[in-house]
Amino acid sequence: MAEKIYLRHPGKDETVAVATGFSWGALLLGFIWAMSKKMWFATFVMLAVNTLLFFSGLWGETIGTIGLVLSVLFGVACGAYGNQWHRWTLEKRGYVVVQPAGEGSLAGVDSAKPQAARVRPPEQTP
């Protein structure tokens, strides 16, 4: 199972989980997946490319085969980069990456107890 990256908007109390790795939704659903994620520019680009590839198939048998191959390659590229595009879109909207609760804490340390004061290195005088 792919890891998830959590992003939170500073002004809202909303956390979004974005998977890492391959996006099967982007591969199989294309622009519909992008629309569900509110990625409007990606939706427009994916719809335009899919439309061009569809109409290229109407021009002839050879071009139709090339269009099919390009359509499959485009779908695989969308699947490979889809989650990265989703994360990039959220970051452009002001979301920041946060660490989920419970991760990164030391085992056996009670976070309610005050931690020892941090010792500063001695200041050096030139």
Protein backbone atom coordinates (compact mmCIF):
# COMPACT_ATOMS: atom_id res chain seq x y z
CA MET A 1 0.00 0.00 0.00
CA ALA A 2 1.29 3.44 -0.89
CA GLU A 3 2.31 5.91 1.75
CA LYS A 4 0.28 9.05 2.21
CA ILE A 5 1.34 12.65 2.61
CA TYR A 6 -0.91 14.85 4.71
CA LEU A 7 -1.47 18.48 3.80
CA ARG A 8 -3.30 21.07 5.89
CA HIS A 9 -4.48 24.55 4.99
CA PRO A 10 -3.43 27.08 7.67
CA GLY A 11 -6.70 29.03 7.49
CA LYS A 12 -9.02 26.01 7.45
CA ASP A 13 -9.41 23.04 9.75
CA GLU A 14 -9.04 20.62 6.86
CA THR A 15 -6.43 17.95 6.28
CA VAL A 16 -6.10 16.21 2.92
CA ALA A 17 -4.29 12.90 2.46
CA VAL A 18 -2.48 12.49 -0.85
CA ALA A 19 -1.17 9.06 -1.78
CA THR A 20 2.31 8.63 -3.17
CA GLY A 21 3.18 6.46 -6.11
CA PHE A 22 0.95 5.37 -8.98
CA SER A 23 -2.62 6.70 -9.23
CA TRP A 24 -5.00 4.13 -10.63
CA GLY A 25 -7.79 6.70 -10.57
CA ALA A 26 -5.85 9.00 -12.88
CA LEU A 27 -5.09 6.10 -15.23
CA LEU A 28 -8.59 4.67 -15.42
CA LEU A 29 -10.78 7.77 -15.02
CA GLY A 30 -8.54 10.49 -16.46
CA PHE A 31 -10.15 13.92 -16.48
CA ILE A 32 -13.02 12.74 -14.26
CA TRP A 33 -10.48 11.91 -11.53
CA ALA A 34 -8.88 15.34 -11.95
CA MET A 35 -12.30 17.00 -11.74
CA SER A 36 -13.10 15.15 -8.51
CA LYS A 37 -9.85 16.51 -7.01
CA LYS A 38 -10.75 20.06 -8.18
CA MET A 39 -7.69 20.21 -10.39
CA TRP A 40 -9.27 22.40 -13.06
CA PHE A 41 -6.23 23.01 -15.27
CA ALA A 42 -5.34 19.30 -15.28
CA THR A 43 -8.98 18.49 -16.07
CA PHE A 44 -8.92 20.80 -19.08
CA VAL A 45 -5.59 19.49 -20.38
CA MET A 46 -6.54 15.82 -19.91
CA LEU A 47 -9.91 16.35 -21.62
CA ALA A 48 -8.28 18.20 -24.52
CA VAL A 49 -5.62 15.53 -25.06
CA ASN A 50 -8.17 12.71 -24.83
CA THR A 51 -10.45 14.50 -27.31
CA LEU A 52 -7.60 15.03 -29.79
CA LEU A 53 -6.55 11.41 -29.51
CA PHE A 54 -10.15 10.24 -29.96
CA PHE A 55 -10.66 12.29 -33.12
CA SER A 56 -7.31 11.19 -34.51
CA GLY A 57 -8.75 7.68 -34.57
CA LEU A 58 -11.43 8.80 -37.03
CA TRP A 59 -8.89 9.76 -39.75
CA GLY A 60 -7.73 6.31 -40.69
CA GLU A 61 -6.58 2.91 -39.57
CA THR A 62 -2.88 3.71 -39.16
CA ILE A 63 -3.51 6.98 -37.36
CA GLY A 64 -6.14 5.21 -35.25
CA THR A 65 -3.56 2.67 -34.08
CA ILE A 66 -1.08 5.43 -33.31
CA GLY A 67 -3.83 7.31 -31.46
CA LEU A 68 -4.62 4.22 -29.38
CA VAL A 69 -0.97 3.75 -28.44
CA LEU A 70 -0.61 7.43 -27.56
CA SER A 71 -3.83 7.28 -25.53
CA VAL A 72 -2.53 4.34 -23.50
CA LEU A 73 0.82 6.08 -22.97
CA PHE A 74 -0.95 9.28 -21.91
CA GLY A 75 -3.07 7.32 -19.43
CA VAL A 76 0.02 5.66 -17.94
CA ALA A 77 1.75 9.05 -17.66
CA CYS A 78 -1.31 10.50 -15.89
CA GLY A 79 -1.26 7.55 -13.49
CA ALA A 80 2.45 7.93 -12.83
CA TYR A 81 2.30 11.68 -12.15
CA GLY A 82 -1.29 12.12 -10.94
CA ASN A 83 -0.62 12.12 -7.21
CA GLN A 84 2.30 14.51 -7.66
CA TRP A 85 0.03 16.87 -9.62
CA HIS A 86 -2.57 16.65 -6.85
CA ARG A 87 -0.01 17.51 -4.18
CA TRP A 88 1.38 20.37 -6.29
CA THR A 89 -2.13 21.79 -6.82
CA LEU A 90 -2.86 21.71 -3.09
CA GLU A 91 0.45 23.38 -2.27
CA LYS A 92 -0.33 26.14 -4.78
CA ARG A 93 -3.60 26.70 -2.90
CA GLY A 94 -1.71 27.25 0.35
CA TYR A 95 -1.70 23.78 1.88
CA VAL A 96 1.41 22.75 3.78
CA VAL A 97 2.74 19.28 4.50
CA VAL A 98 2.12 18.16 8.09
CA GLN A 99 3.18 15.10 10.01
CA PRO A 100 0.22 12.91 11.03
CA ALA A 101 -0.49 12.51 14.73
CA GLY A 102 1.44 9.73 16.37
CA GLU A 103 4.26 9.62 13.84
CA GLY A 104 7.70 10.91 14.59
CA SER A 105 7.27 10.85 18.35
CA LEU A 106 9.66 8.89 20.52
CA ALA A 107 8.35 5.63 21.91
CA GLY A 108 7.86 5.65 25.66
CA VAL A 109 8.06 9.43 26.03
CA ASP A 110 5.03 11.11 27.54
CA SER A 111 4.39 14.25 25.53
CA ALA A 112 2.38 15.78 28.39
CA LYS A 113 5.49 16.02 30.56
CA PRO A 114 7.62 19.10 30.02
CA GLN A 115 10.82 18.38 28.19
CA ALA A 116 14.19 19.29 29.59
CA ALA A 117 15.41 22.74 28.66
CA ARG A 118 17.54 22.77 25.57
CA VAL A 119 21.13 23.69 26.24
CA ARG A 120 22.52 26.36 23.96
CA PRO A 121 26.11 26.09 22.82
CA PRO A 122 28.38 28.62 24.44
CA GLU A 123 28.74 31.86 22.56
CA GLN A 124 32.14 32.45 21.13
CA THR A 125 33.72 35.84 21.15
CA PRO A 126 36.10 36.74 18.39
